[in-house]
């Protein structure tokens, strides 16, 4: 869950990574909730993890990308006036 306070506003985004398949390669499914529809394209574009959606990816890669997503999303939302 990514929660960001910006200019007195509150944006909450949930990134759910659902992995299925073998232990060596998983398929990543990305779901982003809690963001206005107008902001969602910017969030998806900024989150590196979105580039791997519906692709085989290792669990280690998913964890790395998931850890990086909040900072990437925060930077994307700053352009729309959302600040800590």
N, C-alpha and C. Protein backbone atom coordinates (compact mmCIF):
# COMPACT_ATOMS: atom_id res chain seq x y z
N UNK A 1 0.85 -1.17 0.00
CA UNK A 1 0.00 0.00 0.00
C UNK A 1 0.89 1.23 0.00
N UNK A 2 0.62 2.13 -0.88
CA UNK A 2 1.36 3.38 -0.97
C UNK A 2 0.42 4.48 -0.53
N UNK A 3 0.79 5.21 0.51
CA UNK A 3 -0.03 6.31 0.98
C UNK A 3 0.78 7.59 0.90
N UNK A 4 0.20 8.60 0.32
CA UNK A 4 0.93 9.83 0.10
C UNK A 4 0.05 11.01 0.50
N UNK A 5 0.59 11.91 1.30
CA UNK A 5 -0.09 13.16 1.63
C UNK A 5 0.51 14.23 0.73
N UNK A 6 -0.34 14.93 0.01
CA UNK A 6 0.12 15.95 -0.91
C UNK A 6 -0.75 17.18 -0.79
N UNK A 7 -0.14 18.35 -0.52
CA UNK A 7 -0.87 19.61 -0.43
C UNK A 7 -2.17 19.48 0.34
N UNK A 8 -2.12 18.79 1.46
CA UNK A 8 -3.31 18.61 2.27
C UNK A 8 -4.26 17.55 1.72
N UNK A 9 -3.90 16.94 0.62
CA UNK A 9 -4.73 15.90 0.03
C UNK A 9 -4.13 14.56 0.37
N UNK A 10 -4.92 13.53 0.24
CA UNK A 10 -4.45 12.19 0.54
C UNK A 10 -4.68 11.30 -0.67
N UNK A 11 -3.63 10.67 -1.12
CA UNK A 11 -3.76 9.70 -2.22
C UNK A 11 -3.30 8.36 -1.69
N UNK A 12 -4.05 7.37 -1.97
CA UNK A 12 -3.71 6.03 -1.52
C UNK A 12 -3.71 5.10 -2.71
N UNK A 13 -2.64 4.43 -2.92
CA UNK A 13 -2.56 3.48 -4.02
C UNK A 13 -2.18 2.12 -3.50
N UNK A 14 -2.81 1.13 -4.03
CA UNK A 14 -2.50 -0.24 -3.65
C UNK A 14 -1.96 -0.94 -4.86
N UNK A 15 -0.81 -1.51 -4.72
CA UNK A 15 -0.22 -2.29 -5.79
C UNK A 15 -0.27 -3.73 -5.36
N UNK A 16 -0.97 -4.52 -6.10
CA UNK A 16 -1.07 -5.93 -5.78
C UNK A 16 -0.35 -6.73 -6.85
N UNK A 17 0.60 -7.47 -6.43
CA UNK A 17 1.35 -8.32 -7.36
C UNK A 17 0.95 -9.76 -7.06
N UNK A 18 0.26 -10.33 -7.99
CA UNK A 18 -0.19 -11.71 -7.83
C UNK A 18 0.67 -12.60 -8.71
N UNK A 19 1.36 -13.52 -8.10
CA UNK A 19 2.27 -14.38 -8.85
C UNK A 19 1.77 -15.80 -8.84
N UNK A 20 1.81 -16.42 -10.01
CA UNK A 20 1.47 -17.82 -10.12
C UNK A 20 2.42 -18.47 -11.11
N UNK A 21 2.60 -19.73 -11.01
CA UNK A 21 3.43 -20.55 -11.89
C UNK A 21 4.46 -21.28 -11.05
N UNK A 22 5.56 -21.65 -11.67
CA UNK A 22 6.57 -22.44 -10.96
C UNK A 22 7.38 -21.57 -10.02
N UNK A 23 8.26 -22.21 -9.27
CA UNK A 23 9.10 -21.47 -8.33
C UNK A 23 10.15 -20.63 -9.04
N UNK A 24 10.42 -20.92 -10.29
CA UNK A 24 11.48 -20.24 -11.01
C UNK A 24 11.00 -19.07 -11.86
N UNK A 25 9.79 -19.16 -12.38
CA UNK A 25 9.25 -18.06 -13.18
C UNK A 25 7.80 -17.88 -12.81
N UNK A 26 7.45 -16.66 -12.46
CA UNK A 26 6.09 -16.33 -12.09
C UNK A 26 5.55 -15.32 -13.11
N UNK A 27 4.25 -15.29 -13.23
CA UNK A 27 3.62 -14.29 -14.08
C UNK A 27 3.11 -13.18 -13.19
N UNK A 28 3.48 -11.97 -13.50
CA UNK A 28 3.13 -10.82 -12.70
C UNK A 28 1.82 -10.22 -13.20
N UNK A 29 0.90 -10.02 -12.28
CA UNK A 29 -0.34 -9.31 -12.57
C UNK A 29 -0.36 -8.08 -11.69
N UNK A 30 -0.56 -6.93 -12.26
CA UNK A 30 -0.49 -5.66 -11.54
C UNK A 30 -1.88 -5.08 -11.40
N UNK A 31 -2.21 -4.63 -10.19
CA UNK A 31 -3.47 -3.95 -9.94
C UNK A 31 -3.18 -2.72 -9.10
N UNK A 32 -3.63 -1.58 -9.55
CA UNK A 32 -3.44 -0.33 -8.82
C UNK A 32 -4.81 0.22 -8.47
N UNK A 33 -5.08 0.37 -7.18
CA UNK A 33 -6.35 0.88 -6.68
C UNK A 33 -6.10 2.13 -5.85
N UNK A 34 -7.14 2.91 -5.65
CA UNK A 34 -7.06 4.05 -4.74
C UNK A 34 -6.48 5.29 -5.36
N UNK A 35 -6.34 5.30 -6.67
CA UNK A 35 -5.82 6.47 -7.37
C UNK A 35 -6.89 6.92 -8.35
N UNK A 36 -7.12 8.23 -8.42
CA UNK A 36 -8.10 8.75 -9.38
C UNK A 36 -7.77 8.27 -10.78
N UNK A 37 -8.81 8.05 -11.57
CA UNK A 37 -8.61 7.58 -12.94
C UNK A 37 -7.73 8.53 -13.75
N UNK A 38 -7.78 9.82 -13.44
CA UNK A 38 -6.95 10.78 -14.17
C UNK A 38 -5.47 10.63 -13.84
N UNK A 39 -5.16 10.13 -12.65
CA UNK A 39 -3.77 9.96 -12.22
C UNK A 39 -3.21 8.58 -12.53
N UNK A 40 -4.09 7.62 -12.74
CA UNK A 40 -3.66 6.23 -12.90
C UNK A 40 -2.66 6.04 -14.04
N UNK A 41 -2.85 6.66 -15.23
CA UNK A 41 -1.84 6.48 -16.29
C UNK A 41 -0.44 6.95 -15.89
N UNK A 42 -0.36 8.03 -15.13
CA UNK A 42 0.95 8.52 -14.68
C UNK A 42 1.57 7.57 -13.68
N UNK A 43 0.76 7.00 -12.80
CA UNK A 43 1.25 6.05 -11.81
C UNK A 43 1.76 4.79 -12.49
N UNK A 44 0.99 4.27 -13.43
CA UNK A 44 1.40 3.06 -14.15
C UNK A 44 2.68 3.31 -14.94
N UNK A 45 2.76 4.45 -15.60
CA UNK A 45 3.95 4.77 -16.40
C UNK A 45 5.19 4.92 -15.52
N UNK A 46 5.03 5.45 -14.33
CA UNK A 46 6.17 5.70 -13.45
C UNK A 46 6.65 4.45 -12.74
N UNK A 47 5.76 3.52 -12.48
CA UNK A 47 6.12 2.32 -11.73
C UNK A 47 6.79 1.32 -12.66
N UNK A 48 8.06 1.12 -12.47
CA UNK A 48 8.83 0.19 -13.31
C UNK A 48 8.21 -1.20 -13.32
N UNK A 49 7.58 -1.57 -12.23
CA UNK A 49 6.99 -2.90 -12.13
C UNK A 49 5.94 -3.14 -13.20
N UNK A 50 5.29 -2.08 -13.67
CA UNK A 50 4.24 -2.23 -14.68
C UNK A 50 4.78 -2.74 -16.01
N UNK A 51 6.06 -2.56 -16.27
CA UNK A 51 6.67 -3.03 -17.51
C UNK A 51 6.73 -4.56 -17.57
N UNK A 52 6.60 -5.20 -16.44
CA UNK A 52 6.73 -6.65 -16.35
C UNK A 52 5.39 -7.36 -16.23
N UNK A 53 4.30 -6.62 -16.36
CA UNK A 53 2.98 -7.21 -16.23
C UNK A 53 2.76 -8.28 -17.29
N UNK A 54 2.19 -9.39 -16.87
CA UNK A 54 1.89 -10.54 -17.74
C UNK A 54 3.13 -11.15 -18.37
N UNK A 55 4.27 -10.98 -17.73
CA UNK A 55 5.51 -11.60 -18.19
C UNK A 55 6.03 -12.53 -17.10
N UNK A 56 6.84 -13.49 -17.52
CA UNK A 56 7.50 -14.35 -16.55
C UNK A 56 8.59 -13.56 -15.86
N UNK A 57 8.60 -13.64 -14.54
CA UNK A 57 9.55 -12.86 -13.75
C UNK A 57 9.84 -13.63 -12.46
N UNK A 58 11.05 -13.55 -11.99
CA UNK A 58 11.41 -14.27 -10.76
C UNK A 58 10.82 -13.56 -9.55
N UNK A 59 10.65 -14.30 -8.48
CA UNK A 59 10.13 -13.71 -7.25
C UNK A 59 11.07 -12.64 -6.70
N UNK A 60 12.36 -12.84 -6.88
CA UNK A 60 13.33 -11.84 -6.42
C UNK A 60 13.14 -10.53 -7.19
N UNK A 61 12.88 -10.63 -8.49
CA UNK A 61 12.64 -9.43 -9.29
C UNK A 61 11.37 -8.73 -8.84
N UNK A 62 10.33 -9.51 -8.57
CA UNK A 62 9.06 -8.92 -8.10
C UNK A 62 9.29 -8.16 -6.80
N UNK A 63 10.00 -8.77 -5.87
CA UNK A 63 10.28 -8.10 -4.59
C UNK A 63 11.06 -6.80 -4.80
N UNK A 64 12.07 -6.84 -5.65
CA UNK A 64 12.88 -5.65 -5.91
C UNK A 64 12.02 -4.54 -6.52
N UNK A 65 11.24 -4.88 -7.52
CA UNK A 65 10.40 -3.89 -8.19
C UNK A 65 9.31 -3.36 -7.26
N UNK A 66 8.75 -4.23 -6.43
CA UNK A 66 7.72 -3.83 -5.49
C UNK A 66 8.27 -2.83 -4.46
N UNK A 67 9.50 -3.06 -4.01
CA UNK A 67 10.13 -2.15 -3.04
C UNK A 67 10.39 -0.78 -3.65
N UNK A 68 10.68 -0.74 -4.95
CA UNK A 68 10.99 0.53 -5.62
C UNK A 68 9.74 1.32 -6.01
N UNK A 69 8.60 0.65 -6.13
CA UNK A 69 7.38 1.28 -6.64
C UNK A 69 6.91 2.50 -5.83
N UNK A 70 6.89 2.45 -4.50
CA UNK A 70 6.39 3.63 -3.76
C UNK A 70 7.14 4.92 -4.09
N UNK A 71 8.46 4.86 -4.17
CA UNK A 71 9.24 6.06 -4.51
C UNK A 71 8.94 6.53 -5.93
N UNK A 72 8.81 5.59 -6.85
CA UNK A 72 8.52 5.94 -8.23
C UNK A 72 7.14 6.58 -8.35
N UNK A 73 6.16 6.04 -7.64
CA UNK A 73 4.80 6.58 -7.67
C UNK A 73 4.76 7.95 -7.01
N UNK A 74 5.48 8.10 -5.90
CA UNK A 74 5.53 9.39 -5.21
C UNK A 74 6.05 10.47 -6.14
N UNK A 75 7.13 10.19 -6.86
CA UNK A 75 7.69 11.17 -7.79
C UNK A 75 6.70 11.50 -8.90
N UNK A 76 5.99 10.51 -9.39
CA UNK A 76 5.01 10.75 -10.45
C UNK A 76 3.88 11.66 -9.97
N UNK A 77 3.43 11.46 -8.72
CA UNK A 77 2.32 12.25 -8.21
C UNK A 77 2.73 13.67 -7.82
N UNK A 78 4.02 13.90 -7.59
CA UNK A 78 4.49 15.24 -7.28
C UNK A 78 4.19 16.21 -8.42
N UNK A 79 4.24 15.72 -9.65
CA UNK A 79 3.95 16.57 -10.81
C UNK A 79 2.50 17.05 -10.81
N UNK A 80 1.65 16.39 -10.05
CA UNK A 80 0.24 16.76 -9.96
C UNK A 80 -0.08 17.51 -8.66
N UNK A 81 0.97 17.92 -7.94
CA UNK A 81 0.78 18.73 -6.74
C UNK A 81 0.63 17.96 -5.45
N UNK A 82 0.96 16.68 -5.46
CA UNK A 82 0.90 15.88 -4.23
C UNK A 82 2.30 15.81 -3.63
N UNK A 83 2.45 16.35 -2.42
CA UNK A 83 3.74 16.38 -1.74
C UNK A 83 3.60 15.84 -0.34
N UNK A 84 4.72 15.29 0.20
CA UNK A 84 4.74 14.81 1.60
C UNK A 84 4.66 15.97 2.55
